[in-house]
C-alpha atoms as a PDB file:
ATOM      1  CA  MET A   1     -92.277 -17.271 107.402  1.00  0.00           C
ATOM      2  CA  GLU A   2     -95.334 -17.855 109.466  1.00  0.00           C
ATOM      3  CA  LYS A   3     -95.396 -20.603 111.655  1.00  0.00           C
ATOM      4  CA  LYS A   4     -98.523 -23.153 110.521  1.00  0.00           C
ATOM      5  CA  VAL A   5    -101.215 -23.341 112.239  1.00  0.00           C
ATOM      6  CA  ASN A   6    -101.498 -26.286 115.079  1.00  0.00           C
ATOM      7  CA  THR A   7    -104.979 -27.548 114.780  1.00  0.00           C
ATOM      8  CA  ASN A   8    -104.918 -29.495 117.721  1.00  0.00           C
ATOM      9  CA  TYR A   9    -105.337 -25.384 119.415  1.00  0.00           C
ATOM     10  CA  TYR A  10    -108.492 -23.492 118.685  1.00  0.00           C
ATOM     11  CA  SER A  11    -108.741 -21.041 120.979  1.00  0.00           C
ATOM     12  CA  PRO A  12    -106.812 -17.376 120.837  1.00  0.00           C
ATOM     13  CA  LEU A  13    -106.036 -17.564 124.451  1.00  0.00           C
ATOM     14  CA  ARG A  14    -103.047 -18.809 126.269  1.00  0.00           C
ATOM     15  CA  TYR A  15    -105.037 -20.255 129.722  1.00  0.00           C
ATOM     16  CA  PRO A  16    -103.035 -21.151 133.285  1.00  0.00           C
ATOM     17  CA  GLY A  17    -104.784 -24.398 134.116  1.00  0.00           C
ATOM     18  CA  GLY A  18    -106.030 -25.085 130.117  1.00  0.00           C
ATOM     19  CA  LYS A  19    -107.486 -27.966 129.377  1.00  0.00           C
ATOM     20  CA  ASN A  20    -107.320 -28.666 125.975  1.00  0.00           C
ATOM     21  CA  CYS A  21    -104.444 -31.542 127.172  1.00  0.00           C
ATOM     22  CA  ILE A  22    -106.883 -33.620 128.323  1.00  0.00           C
ATOM     23  CA  PHE A  23    -109.242 -34.025 124.930  1.00  0.00           C
ATOM     24  CA  SER A  24    -108.211 -37.209 124.711  1.00  0.00           C
ATOM     25  CA  PHE A  25    -109.567 -38.713 127.381  1.00  0.00           C
ATOM     26  CA  VAL A  26    -113.124 -36.506 127.831  1.00  0.00           C
ATOM     27  CA  SER A  27    -113.714 -37.601 123.792  1.00  0.00           C
ATOM     28  CA  LYS A  28    -113.642 -41.194 124.668  1.00  0.00           C
ATOM     29  CA  LEU A  29    -115.554 -40.438 128.015  1.00  0.00           C
ATOM     30  CA  PHE A  30    -118.381 -39.410 125.721  1.00  0.00           C
ATOM     31  CA  TYR A  31    -118.065 -42.204 123.760  1.00  0.00           C
ATOM     32  CA  GLU A  32    -117.978 -44.395 126.525  1.00  0.00           C
ATOM     33  CA  ASN A  33    -121.238 -42.583 128.225  1.00  0.00           C
ATOM     34  CA  ASN A  34    -122.880 -41.573 124.511  1.00  0.00           C
ATOM     35  CA  PHE A  35    -122.740 -38.148 125.105  1.00  0.00           C
ATOM     36  CA  ILE A  36    -121.830 -37.632 121.671  1.00  0.00           C
ATOM     37  CA  GLY A  37    -123.935 -34.564 119.554  1.00  0.00           C
ATOM     38  CA  CYS A  38    -125.161 -33.203 123.414  1.00  0.00           C
ATOM     39  CA  SER A  39    -124.643 -29.605 124.838  1.00  0.00           C
ATOM     40  CA  TYR A  40    -121.741 -28.997 126.371  1.00  0.00           C
ATOM     41  CA  ALA A  41    -120.954 -26.040 129.118  1.00  0.00           C
ATOM     42  CA  GLU A  42    -118.466 -24.846 130.811  1.00  0.00           C
ATOM     43  CA  PRO A  43    -118.779 -22.356 134.477  1.00  0.00           C
ATOM     44  CA  TYR A  44    -115.121 -20.889 134.071  1.00  0.00           C
ATOM     45  CA  ALA A  45    -114.998 -20.838 130.600  1.00  0.00           C
ATOM     46  CA  GLY A  46    -111.226 -18.853 130.751  1.00  0.00           C
ATOM     47  CA  GLY A  47    -109.160 -20.473 127.579  1.00  0.00           C
ATOM     48  CA  ALA A  48    -112.450 -22.233 126.746  1.00  0.00           C
ATOM     49  CA  GLY A  49    -109.534 -24.974 124.434  1.00  0.00           C
ATOM     50  CA  LEU A  50    -111.708 -27.762 125.245  1.00  0.00           C
ATOM     51  CA  ALA A  51    -114.709 -26.362 124.445  1.00  0.00           C
ATOM     52  CA  LEU A  52    -113.664 -25.110 121.202  1.00  0.00           C
ATOM     53  CA  ARG A  53    -111.982 -28.282 120.514  1.00  0.00           C
ATOM     54  CA  LEU A  54    -115.734 -30.689 121.123  1.00  0.00           C
ATOM     55  CA  LEU A  55    -117.116 -28.182 119.251  1.00  0.00           C
ATOM     56  CA  PHE A  56    -115.111 -27.706 116.144  1.00  0.00           C
ATOM     57  CA  GLU A  57    -114.207 -31.586 115.791  1.00  0.00           C
ATOM     58  CA  GLY A  58    -118.065 -32.602 116.174  1.00  0.00           C
ATOM     59  CA  TYR A  59    -118.204 -34.051 119.700  1.00  0.00           C
ATOM     60  CA  VAL A  60    -120.900 -31.521 120.711  1.00  0.00           C
ATOM     61  CA  ASN A  61    -123.596 -29.492 118.694  1.00  0.00           C
ATOM     62  CA  HIS A  62    -123.325 -25.971 121.374  1.00  0.00           C
ATOM     63  CA  VAL A  63    -120.912 -24.768 124.172  1.00  0.00           C
ATOM     64  CA  TYR A  64    -121.656 -23.015 126.629  1.00  0.00           C
ATOM     65  CA  ILE A  65    -119.469 -20.578 127.909  1.00  0.00           C
ATOM     66  CA  ASN A  66    -119.162 -18.539 130.797  1.00  0.00           C
ATOM     67  CA  ASP A  67    -116.821 -16.096 132.572  1.00  0.00           C
ATOM     68  CA  LEU A  68    -116.967 -13.992 135.229  1.00  0.00           C
ATOM     69  CA  ASP A  69    -114.185 -11.980 134.931  1.00  0.00           C
ATOM     70  CA  ARG A  70    -114.777  -8.960 132.338  1.00  0.00           C
ATOM     71  CA  SER A  71    -111.182  -8.956 131.037  1.00  0.00           C
ATOM     72  CA  ILE A  72    -111.943 -12.908 129.775  1.00  0.00           C
ATOM     73  CA  TYR A  73    -115.548 -11.968 128.565  1.00  0.00           C
ATOM     74  CA  SER A  74    -115.123  -8.824 126.692  1.00  0.00           C
ATOM     75  CA  PHE A  75    -112.467 -10.663 124.748  1.00  0.00           C
ATOM     76  CA  TRP A  76    -115.299 -13.501 123.733  1.00  0.00           C
ATOM     77  CA  LEU A  77    -117.418 -11.009 123.597  1.00  0.00           C
ATOM     78  CA  THR A  78    -115.838  -9.057 120.801  1.00  0.00           C
ATOM     79  CA  ILE A  79    -114.427 -11.672 118.523  1.00  0.00           C
ATOM     80  CA  LEU A  80    -117.338 -13.282 118.694  1.00  0.00           C
ATOM     81  CA  ASN A  81    -119.639 -10.073 117.321  1.00  0.00           C
ATOM     82  CA  ARG A  82    -117.344  -7.919 115.978  1.00  0.00           C
ATOM     83  CA  PRO A  83    -114.361 -10.380 114.619  1.00  0.00           C
ATOM     84  CA  GLU A  84    -113.406  -8.760 111.451  1.00  0.00           C
ATOM     85  CA  GLU A  85    -112.663  -5.279 113.211  1.00  0.00           C
ATOM     86  CA  PHE A  86    -110.683  -7.243 116.008  1.00  0.00           C
ATOM     87  CA  CYS A  87    -108.823  -9.205 113.506  1.00  0.00           C
ATOM     88  CA  GLU A  88    -107.703  -5.760 111.789  1.00  0.00           C
ATOM     89  CA  TRP A  89    -106.371  -4.443 115.497  1.00  0.00           C
ATOM     90  CA  ILE A  90    -104.354  -7.787 115.806  1.00  0.00           C
ATOM     91  CA  SER A  91    -102.897  -7.220 112.109  1.00  0.00           C
ATOM     92  CA  GLU A  92    -101.828  -3.393 112.915  1.00  0.00           C
ATOM     93  CA  VAL A  93    -100.568  -3.753 116.616  1.00  0.00           C
ATOM     94  CA  GLU A  94     -97.284  -3.023 117.315  1.00  0.00           C
ATOM     95  CA  ILE A  95     -96.126  -5.897 119.461  1.00  0.00           C
ATOM     96  CA  THR A  96     -93.889  -3.482 122.044  1.00  0.00           C
ATOM     97  CA  MET A  97     -93.061  -2.907 125.253  1.00  0.00           C
ATOM     98  CA  LYS A  98     -94.113   0.801 124.721  1.00  0.00           C
ATOM     99  CA  ASN A  99     -97.854  -0.852 123.999  1.00  0.00           C
ATOM    100  CA  TRP A 100     -97.586  -3.905 126.649  1.00  0.00           C
ATOM    101  CA  HIS A 101     -97.590  -0.804 129.206  1.00  0.00           C
ATOM    102  CA  LYS A 102    -100.948   0.976 127.793  1.00  0.00           C
ATOM    103  CA  TYR A 103    -102.423  -2.336 128.059  1.00  0.00           C
ATOM    104  CA  LYS A 104    -101.204  -2.928 131.579  1.00  0.00           C
ATOM    105  CA  GLU A 105    -102.735   0.181 132.279  1.00  0.00           C
ATOM    106  CA  PHE A 106    -106.581  -0.131 130.468  1.00  0.00           C
ATOM    107  CA  GLN A 107    -106.526  -3.457 133.111  1.00  0.00           C
ATOM    108  CA  LYS A 108    -106.930  -0.876 136.176  1.00  0.00           C
ATOM    109  CA  THR A 109    -109.895   0.254 134.789  1.00  0.00           C
ATOM    110  CA  ALA A 110    -111.576  -3.312 133.489  1.00  0.00           C
ATOM    111  CA  TYR A 111    -114.851  -2.633 134.646  1.00  0.00           C
ATOM    112  CA  GLU A 112    -115.166   1.101 133.639  1.00  0.00           C
ATOM    113  CA  LEU A 113    -114.069  -0.293 129.943  1.00  0.00           C
ATOM    114  CA  ASP A 114    -115.227   0.006 126.825  1.00  0.00           C
ATOM    115  CA  GLU A 115    -115.860  -3.476 125.931  1.00  0.00           C
ATOM    116  CA  PHE A 116    -113.741  -3.232 122.626  1.00  0.00           C
ATOM    117  CA  GLU A 117    -110.950  -1.985 124.111  1.00  0.00           C
ATOM    118  CA  LEU A 118    -110.367  -4.294 127.188  1.00  0.00           C
ATOM    119  CA  ALA A 119    -110.543  -6.573 125.090  1.00  0.00           C
ATOM    120  CA  LYS A 120    -107.353  -5.848 123.120  1.00  0.00           C
ATOM    121  CA  SER A 121    -105.946  -5.316 126.572  1.00  0.00           C
ATOM    122  CA  THR A 122    -106.690  -8.719 127.701  1.00  0.00           C
ATOM    123  CA  PHE A 123    -105.601 -10.187 124.255  1.00  0.00           C
ATOM    124  CA  PHE A 124    -102.290  -8.130 124.557  1.00  0.00           C
ATOM    125  CA  LEU A 125    -101.544  -9.342 127.835  1.00  0.00           C
ATOM    126  CA  ASN A 126    -102.511 -12.944 127.335  1.00  0.00           C
ATOM    127  CA  ARG A 127    -100.246 -13.360 124.151  1.00  0.00           C
ATOM    128  CA  THR A 128     -97.268 -11.486 125.630  1.00  0.00           C
ATOM    129  CA  ASN A 129     -97.135 -12.270 129.397  1.00  0.00           C
ATOM    130  CA  VAL A 130     -95.271 -15.447 130.987  1.00  0.00           C
ATOM    131  CA  SER A 131     -97.917 -19.061 130.437  1.00  0.00           C
ATOM    132  CA  GLY A 132    -100.513 -16.135 129.489  1.00  0.00           C
ATOM    133  CA  VAL A 133    -101.409 -14.838 133.209  1.00  0.00           C
ATOM    134  CA  ILE A 134    -103.095 -11.292 132.494  1.00  0.00           C
ATOM    135  CA  LYS A 135    -101.637  -9.805 135.744  1.00  0.00           C
ATOM    136  CA  GLY A 136     -98.184 -11.662 135.190  1.00  0.00           C
ATOM    137  CA  GLY A 137     -94.663 -10.671 133.672  1.00  0.00           C
ATOM    138  CA  VAL A 138     -93.889  -9.510 130.397  1.00  0.00           C
ATOM    139  CA  ILE A 139     -92.288 -12.554 128.121  1.00  0.00           C
ATOM    140  CA  GLY A 140     -87.996 -12.297 127.978  1.00  0.00           C
ATOM    141  CA  GLY A 141     -88.412  -9.724 131.276  1.00  0.00           C
ATOM    142  CA  GLN A 142     -88.362  -5.431 131.107  1.00  0.00           C
ATOM    143  CA  ASN A 143     -85.597  -5.013 129.479  1.00  0.00           C
ATOM    144  CA  GLN A 144     -86.334  -7.641 126.653  1.00  0.00           C
ATOM    145  CA  THR A 145     -82.971  -9.691 127.829  1.00  0.00           C
ATOM    146  CA  GLY A 146     -84.405 -12.916 128.213  1.00  0.00           C
ATOM    147  CA  LYS A 147     -84.124 -15.868 125.218  1.00  0.00           C
ATOM    148  CA  TYR A 148     -87.849 -15.171 124.524  1.00  0.00           C
ATOM    149  CA  LYS A 149     -89.328 -12.007 123.101  1.00  0.00           C
ATOM    150  CA  ILE A 150     -91.959 -10.225 123.724  1.00  0.00           C
ATOM    151  CA  ASP A 151     -93.766 -11.297 120.504  1.00  0.00           C
ATOM    152  CA  ALA A 152     -92.429 -14.672 120.967  1.00  0.00           C
ATOM    153  CA  ARG A 153     -96.435 -16.130 121.388  1.00  0.00           C
ATOM    154  CA  PHE A 154     -98.023 -13.695 119.033  1.00  0.00           C
ATOM    155  CA  ASN A 155     -97.728 -15.344 115.319  1.00  0.00           C
ATOM    156  CA  LYS A 156    -100.798 -12.756 114.276  1.00  0.00           C
ATOM    157  CA  GLN A 157    -101.340 -14.622 111.353  1.00  0.00           C
ATOM    158  CA  ASP A 158    -102.206 -18.189 113.535  1.00  0.00           C
ATOM    159  CA  LEU A 159    -104.223 -15.758 115.614  1.00  0.00           C
ATOM    160  CA  ILE A 160    -106.243 -14.001 113.076  1.00  0.00           C
ATOM    161  CA  GLU A 161    -107.221 -17.842 111.444  1.00  0.00           C
ATOM    162  CA  ARG A 162    -108.403 -18.701 114.869  1.00  0.00           C
ATOM    163  CA  ILE A 163    -110.851 -15.944 115.492  1.00  0.00           C
ATOM    164  CA  LYS A 164    -112.365 -16.511 111.926  1.00  0.00           C
ATOM    165  CA  ARG A 165    -113.267 -19.730 112.412  1.00  0.00           C
ATOM    166  CA  ILE A 166    -114.460 -19.288 115.227  1.00  0.00           C
ATOM    167  CA  ALA A 167    -116.647 -16.249 114.445  1.00  0.00           C
ATOM    168  CA  GLU A 168    -118.128 -18.614 111.943  1.00  0.00           C
ATOM    169  CA  LEU A 169    -119.379 -20.997 114.594  1.00  0.00           C
ATOM    170  CA  ARG A 170    -120.853 -18.010 116.388  1.00  0.00           C
ATOM    171  CA  ASP A 171    -124.317 -19.408 116.920  1.00  0.00           C
ATOM    172  CA  ARG A 172    -123.419 -22.609 118.583  1.00  0.00           C
ATOM    173  CA  ILE A 173    -121.541 -20.471 120.953  1.00  0.00           C
ATOM    174  CA  THR A 174    -123.801 -18.954 123.902  1.00  0.00           C
ATOM    175  CA  LEU A 175    -121.137 -16.582 126.150  1.00  0.00           C
ATOM    176  CA  THR A 176    -122.278 -15.130 129.242  1.00  0.00           C
ATOM    177  CA  CYS A 177    -120.744 -13.409 132.351  1.00  0.00           C
ATOM    178  CA  MET A 178    -121.962 -14.559 135.452  1.00  0.00           C
ATOM    179  CA  ASP A 179    -121.147 -16.126 138.809  1.00  0.00           C
ATOM    180  CA  GLY A 180    -120.271 -19.673 138.456  1.00  0.00           C
ATOM    181  CA  LEU A 181    -123.236 -20.888 140.936  1.00  0.00           C
ATOM    182  CA  THR A 182    -125.717 -18.823 138.910  1.00  0.00           C
ATOM    183  CA  PHE A 183    -124.582 -20.390 135.748  1.00  0.00           C
ATOM    184  CA  ILE A 184    -124.893 -23.850 136.382  1.00  0.00           C
ATOM    185  CA  ASN A 185    -128.199 -23.122 138.344  1.00  0.00           C
ATOM    186  CA  LYS A 186    -129.516 -22.117 135.242  1.00  0.00           C
ATOM    187  CA  MET A 187    -127.603 -24.990 133.104  1.00  0.00           C
ATOM    188  CA  ASN A 188    -129.212 -27.648 135.681  1.00  0.00           C
ATOM    189  CA  ARG A 189    -132.866 -26.134 135.022  1.00  0.00           C
ATOM    190  CA  ILE A 190    -132.264 -26.274 131.310  1.00  0.00           C
ATOM    191  CA  ASN A 191    -134.118 -28.104 128.572  1.00  0.00           C
ATOM    192  CA  GLU A 192    -131.676 -29.764 126.932  1.00  0.00           C
ATOM    193  CA  GLU A 193    -129.015 -32.790 127.495  1.00  0.00           C
ATOM    194  CA  VAL A 194    -125.937 -30.590 128.628  1.00  0.00           C
ATOM    195  CA  PHE A 195    -122.579 -31.878 130.159  1.00  0.00           C
ATOM    196  CA  ILE A 196    -121.162 -29.887 132.159  1.00  0.00           C
ATOM    197  CA  TYR A 197    -117.595 -29.225 132.955  1.00  0.00           C
ATOM    198  CA  LEU A 198    -116.394 -27.584 135.862  1.00  0.00           C
ATOM    199  CA  ASP A 199    -112.730 -26.581 135.879  1.00  0.00           C
ATOM    200  CA  PRO A 200    -112.780 -24.015 139.024  1.00  0.00           C
ATOM    201  CA  PRO A 201    -109.673 -21.802 139.774  1.00  0.00           C
ATOM    202  CA  TYR A 202    -107.077 -23.707 141.559  1.00  0.00           C
ATOM    203  CA  TYR A 203    -107.125 -24.094 145.414  1.00  0.00           C
ATOM    204  CA  GLN A 204    -103.791 -23.521 145.636  1.00  0.00           C
ATOM    205  CA  LYS A 205    -102.542 -20.716 143.003  1.00  0.00           C
ATOM    206  CA  GLY A 206    -105.661 -19.403 142.359  1.00  0.00           C
ATOM    207  CA  ALA A 207    -104.544 -15.831 143.372  1.00  0.00           C
ATOM    208  CA  ASP A 208    -101.077 -16.009 141.468  1.00  0.00           C
ATOM    209  CA  LEU A 209    -103.226 -17.024 138.435  1.00  0.00           C
ATOM    210  CA  TYR A 210    -106.382 -15.280 137.973  1.00  0.00           C
ATOM    211  CA  MET A 211    -108.383 -11.874 138.278  1.00  0.00           C
ATOM    212  CA  ASN A 212    -111.036 -14.171 140.309  1.00  0.00           C
ATOM    213  CA  PHE A 213    -109.836 -16.494 142.471  1.00  0.00           C
ATOM    214  CA  TYR A 214    -111.926 -18.873 144.818  1.00  0.00           C
ATOM    215  CA  SER A 215    -111.619 -18.532 148.665  1.00  0.00           C
ATOM    216  CA  ASN A 216    -112.753 -21.616 150.920  1.00  0.00           C
ATOM    217  CA  SER A 217    -115.711 -20.682 151.352  1.00  0.00           C
ATOM    218  CA  ASP A 218    -116.132 -20.205 147.529  1.00  0.00           C
ATOM    219  CA  HIS A 219    -115.117 -23.566 147.122  1.00  0.00           C
ATOM    220  CA  GLN A 220    -117.430 -25.267 149.700  1.00  0.00           C
ATOM    221  CA  LYS A 221    -120.596 -23.350 148.264  1.00  0.00           C
ATOM    222  CA  LEU A 222    -119.506 -24.183 145.022  1.00  0.00           C
ATOM    223  CA  SER A 223    -119.238 -27.782 145.676  1.00  0.00           C
ATOM    224  CA  ARG A 224    -122.690 -28.106 148.037  1.00  0.00           C
ATOM    225  CA  GLN A 225    -124.236 -26.714 144.517  1.00  0.00           C
ATOM    226  CA  VAL A 226    -122.405 -28.862 141.716  1.00  0.00           C
ATOM    227  CA  LEU A 227    -123.828 -32.164 144.124  1.00  0.00           C
ATOM    228  CA  LYS A 228    -127.231 -31.354 144.187  1.00  0.00           C
ATOM    229  CA  MET A 229    -126.838 -31.427 140.499  1.00  0.00           C
ATOM    230  CA  LYS A 230    -129.193 -32.905 137.695  1.00  0.00           C
ATOM    231  CA  LYS A 231    -126.951 -32.624 134.935  1.00  0.00           C
ATOM    232  CA  LYS A 232    -124.083 -35.683 134.190  1.00  0.00           C
ATOM    233  CA  TRP A 233    -121.091 -32.930 135.428  1.00  0.00           C
ATOM    234  CA  MET A 234    -117.470 -33.408 135.594  1.00  0.00           C
ATOM    235  CA  VAL A 235    -115.170 -31.375 138.328  1.00  0.00           C
ATOM    236  CA  SER A 236    -111.455 -31.107 138.079  1.00  0.00           C
ATOM    237  CA  TYR A 237    -108.906 -29.830 140.573  1.00  0.00           C
ATOM    238  CA  ASP A 238    -105.736 -29.211 141.588  1.00  0.00           C
ATOM    239  CA  ASN A 239    -104.823 -32.517 144.352  1.00  0.00           C
ATOM    240  CA  HIS A 240    -105.335 -30.714 147.665  1.00  0.00           C
ATOM    241  CA  ASP A 241    -107.237 -32.614 150.796  1.00  0.00           C
ATOM    242  CA  PHE A 242    -109.635 -29.845 151.149  1.00  0.00           C
ATOM    243  CA  ILE A 243    -110.921 -30.733 148.142  1.00  0.00           C
ATOM    244  CA  LEU A 244    -110.768 -34.415 148.077  1.00  0.00           C
ATOM    245  CA  ASN A 245    -113.087 -33.615 151.625  1.00  0.00           C
ATOM    246  CA  LEU A 246    -115.401 -31.946 149.897  1.00  0.00           C
ATOM    247  CA  TYR A 247    -116.003 -34.747 147.780  1.00  0.00           C
ATOM    248  CA  ALA A 248    -115.120 -37.268 150.082  1.00  0.00           C
ATOM    249  CA  GLN A 249    -118.257 -39.503 148.775  1.00  0.00           C
ATOM    250  CA  GLU A 250    -117.489 -38.988 145.176  1.00  0.00           C
ATOM    251  CA  ARG A 251    -115.549 -41.043 142.740  1.00  0.00           C
ATOM    252  CA  LYS A 252    -112.534 -39.243 141.902  1.00  0.00           C
ATOM    253  CA  ILE A 253    -109.284 -39.971 139.624  1.00  0.00           C
ATOM    254  CA  LEU A 254    -105.978 -38.805 140.479  1.00  0.00           C
ATOM    255  CA  TYR A 255    -103.744 -38.206 137.498  1.00  0.00           C
ATOM    256  CA  LYS A 256    -100.397 -36.163 136.121  1.00  0.00           C
ATOM    257  CA  LEU A 257    -100.856 -32.933 134.352  1.00  0.00           C
ATOM    258  CA  SER A 258     -97.923 -30.596 132.949  1.00  0.00           C
ATOM    259  CA  GLN A 259     -99.043 -27.429 134.304  1.00  0.00           C
ATOM    260  CA  ALA A 260     -98.023 -24.580 131.830  1.00  0.00           C
ATOM    261  CA  ALA A 261     -98.003 -21.301 134.153  1.00  0.00           C
ATOM    262  CA  SER A 262     -94.637 -22.842 136.044  1.00  0.00           C
ATOM    263  CA  ASN A 263     -93.550 -25.863 133.301  1.00  0.00           C
ATOM    264  CA  ARG A 264     -93.786 -28.905 136.101  1.00  0.00           C
ATOM    265  CA  VAL A 265     -96.272 -31.658 135.989  1.00  0.00           C
ATOM    266  CA  GLY A 266     -98.563 -31.798 138.868  1.00  0.00           C
ATOM    267  CA  ASP A 267    -101.525 -33.730 140.269  1.00  0.00           C
ATOM    268  CA  GLU A 268    -104.567 -33.162 139.578  1.00  0.00           C
ATOM    269  CA  ILE A 269    -108.282 -34.540 140.420  1.00  0.00           C
ATOM    270  CA  ILE A 270    -111.179 -35.552 138.183  1.00  0.00           C
ATOM    271  CA  VAL A 271    -114.460 -36.086 139.825  1.00  0.00           C
ATOM    272  CA  PHE A 272    -117.692 -37.666 138.590  1.00  0.00           C
ATOM    273  CA  SER A 273    -121.193 -37.796 138.813  1.00  0.00           C
ATOM    274  CA  LYS A 274    -122.872 -40.903 139.684  1.00  0.00           C
ATOM    275  CA  GLU A 275    -123.995 -41.766 136.410  1.00  0.00           C
ATOM    276  CA  ILE A 276    -120.387 -41.124 134.145  1.00  0.00           C
ATOM    277  CA  ASN A 277    -118.559 -44.647 133.554  1.00  0.00           C
ATOM    278  CA  PHE A 278    -114.691 -43.711 133.056  1.00  0.00           C
ATOM    279  CA  THR A 279    -113.207 -47.519 133.301  1.00  0.00           C
ATOM    280  CA  GLU A 280    -112.278 -46.785 129.376  1.00  0.00           C
ATOM    281  CA  SER A 281    -111.626 -43.342 128.802  1.00  0.00           C
ATOM    282  CA  VAL A 282    -109.125 -43.352 132.116  1.00  0.00           C
ATOM    283  CA  LYS A 283    -106.658 -45.374 130.209  1.00  0.00           C
ATOM    284  CA  ALA A 284    -106.301 -42.016 127.992  1.00  0.00           C
ATOM    285  CA  LEU A 285    -104.876 -39.726 131.713  1.00  0.00           C
ATOM    286  CA  LYS A 286    -101.294 -39.885 132.336  1.00  0.00           C
ATOM    287  CA  SER A 287    -100.559 -42.276 135.314  1.00  0.00           C
ATOM    288  CA  PRO A 288    -104.063 -42.366 136.530  1.00  0.00           C
ATOM    289  CA  VAL A 289    -104.985 -43.798 140.131  1.00  0.00           C
ATOM    290  CA  ILE A 290    -108.809 -44.284 140.837  1.00  0.00           C
ATOM    291  CA  LEU A 291    -109.485 -43.186 144.344  1.00  0.00           C
ATOM    292  CA  ASN A 292    -112.235 -44.793 146.350  1.00  0.00           C
ATOM    293  CA  GLN A 293    -115.043 -42.848 147.803  1.00  0.00           C
ATOM    294  CA  ILE A 294    -115.283 -42.957 152.007  1.00  0.00           C
END
């Protein structure tokens, strides 16, 4: 028997560091700041779980999702433009180690591969790898001797339903494949009220989790650009002195977040632009501590 769809999860992707878990905080933040009905943008969309939930549950009218990673971009492009074909593939594909190896090979030529084929590879690996890490290991191990097997996170009916629901709202989703800095510059100039949420690659574990990760200089360039933005914004990071120093003058919250990729609870920070109020909404976070700016 197929499992019932969990309506709190709208994204078909599992993503390390995914922020659907702070939806309660963000939804309250929108009420506290009268953001209801605005547009919403994510320069590092990844699984886009939070963006989709805000859209589906009526907090925002339009979402702009961006990801430079061609594998991730190809997946979103495919389900927005060719959802019927993709769902047909899901219903027919065999969840086997043979296919896992095939789709693993596809990632080696990600920038040459047809977008539809790359989308299949990305999705297959995301749903069959530990914590959804594309370049990670398969659930259950190569010999499939683990407690959970390769198909443990591949509930076809659920995933097809999620994709069809997203396709129904495709006119309210704008997808791009830009460098994060280019994207936020574009959003900063757009002639509409847009809230920008930046969730860059983790500082400490980024190279292990993401196909595209940031160096120290990348994080520095991003912070300089963010601090010049005119739009209202919020940035989240894993807690580290290097990051705290980049945003030393800004208001920050330290809180506990369950990290899906390690099954641990870690300290994360959220940094806010000056106009944002979070007095009430902060109560929705786990063990929040407000950090004073220097």
